[in-house]
Amino acid sequence: MTHLDLWWCDSLKKLHESIGELECLTHLNLQGCESLKEFHVRISELKYLTHLNLQRCESLKEFPMSIGKFKSLTHLRLDS
């Protein structure tokens, strides 16, 4: 799987640790996940992730420190 689209998944509060097992993931769309409060630290294991969309994730207050490990990330959307 290269794309995971959880667009407007209102009840999603956190990403499960298994997100780190999606080694080939390049696009993660969490736009409109208004209840999302936290990422699992294993998100930093997505070494091929190029696009991360967090638009309108208004409950998300912070990233894990490991987000700096994204070497391939070229597009990050954070606006509300």
Protein backbone atom coordinates (compact mmCIF):
# COMPACT_ATOMS: atom_id res chain seq x y z
CA MET A 1 0.00 0.00 0.00
CA THR A 2 1.36 3.40 -0.95
CA HIS A 3 -1.62 5.65 -0.15
CA LEU A 4 -3.76 5.73 3.00
CA ASP A 5 -6.69 8.11 2.97
CA LEU A 6 -8.59 8.56 6.24
CA TRP A 7 -10.25 11.77 5.01
CA TRP A 8 -12.79 13.14 7.52
CA CYS A 9 -12.63 10.16 9.86
CA ASP A 10 -14.15 12.15 12.71
CA SER A 11 -13.91 9.45 15.37
CA LEU A 12 -10.18 8.74 14.86
CA LYS A 13 -8.38 9.81 18.04
CA LYS A 14 -4.93 8.34 17.45
CA LEU A 15 -3.01 6.37 14.89
CA HIS A 16 -2.33 2.77 15.87
CA GLU A 17 1.29 1.72 16.29
CA SER A 18 0.94 -0.61 13.29
CA ILE A 19 1.14 2.49 11.07
CA GLY A 20 4.92 1.98 11.18
CA GLU A 21 4.52 -1.36 9.41
CA LEU A 22 3.27 0.31 6.23
CA GLU A 23 6.82 0.57 4.94
CA CYS A 24 5.90 1.59 1.37
CA LEU A 25 3.45 4.33 2.36
CA THR A 26 4.12 7.55 0.45
CA HIS A 27 0.87 9.49 1.05
CA LEU A 28 -1.03 9.78 4.32
CA ASN A 29 -4.17 11.92 4.26
CA LEU A 30 -5.73 12.69 7.63
CA GLN A 31 -7.54 15.85 6.55
CA GLY A 32 -10.58 16.59 8.69
CA CYS A 33 -9.78 14.05 11.41
CA GLU A 34 -10.95 16.57 13.98
CA SER A 35 -10.67 14.19 16.96
CA LEU A 36 -7.09 13.13 16.19
CA LYS A 37 -5.01 14.01 19.24
CA GLU A 38 -1.79 12.06 18.84
CA PHE A 39 0.48 10.09 16.56
CA HIS A 40 2.19 6.92 17.58
CA VAL A 41 5.95 7.40 17.62
CA ARG A 42 6.26 4.65 14.98
CA ILE A 43 5.00 7.06 12.34
CA SER A 44 8.64 8.10 11.99
CA GLU A 45 9.34 4.65 10.51
CA LEU A 46 7.56 5.68 7.31
CA LYS A 47 10.79 6.41 5.49
CA TYR A 48 9.16 6.80 2.06
CA LEU A 49 6.40 9.17 3.19
CA THR A 50 6.38 12.17 0.86
CA HIS A 51 2.93 13.69 1.53
CA LEU A 52 1.32 14.21 4.93
CA ASN A 53 -1.98 16.09 5.07
CA LEU A 54 -3.16 17.23 8.51
CA GLN A 55 -5.52 20.00 7.43
CA ARG A 56 -8.36 20.60 9.88
CA CYS A 57 -6.93 18.25 12.54
CA GLU A 58 -7.80 20.80 15.19
CA SER A 59 -7.39 18.52 18.21
CA LEU A 60 -3.81 17.66 17.28
CA LYS A 61 -1.60 19.68 19.58
CA GLU A 62 1.88 18.27 18.97
CA PHE A 63 3.98 15.95 16.85
CA PRO A 64 6.27 13.28 18.23
CA MET A 65 9.87 14.49 18.31
CA SER A 66 10.72 11.74 15.84
CA ILE A 67 8.95 13.60 13.02
CA GLY A 68 12.33 15.10 12.18
CA LYS A 69 13.36 11.67 10.88
CA PHE A 70 11.21 12.02 7.76
CA LYS A 71 13.87 12.15 5.05
CA SER A 72 11.48 11.96 2.07
CA LEU A 73 8.73 14.32 3.24
CA THR A 74 8.20 17.04 0.64
CA HIS A 75 4.58 18.10 1.31
CA LEU A 76 3.14 18.87 4.74
CA ARG A 77 -0.31 20.46 5.06
CA LEU A 78 -1.21 21.88 8.48
CA ASP A 79 -3.68 24.67 7.76
CA SER A 80 -7.19 24.75 9.15
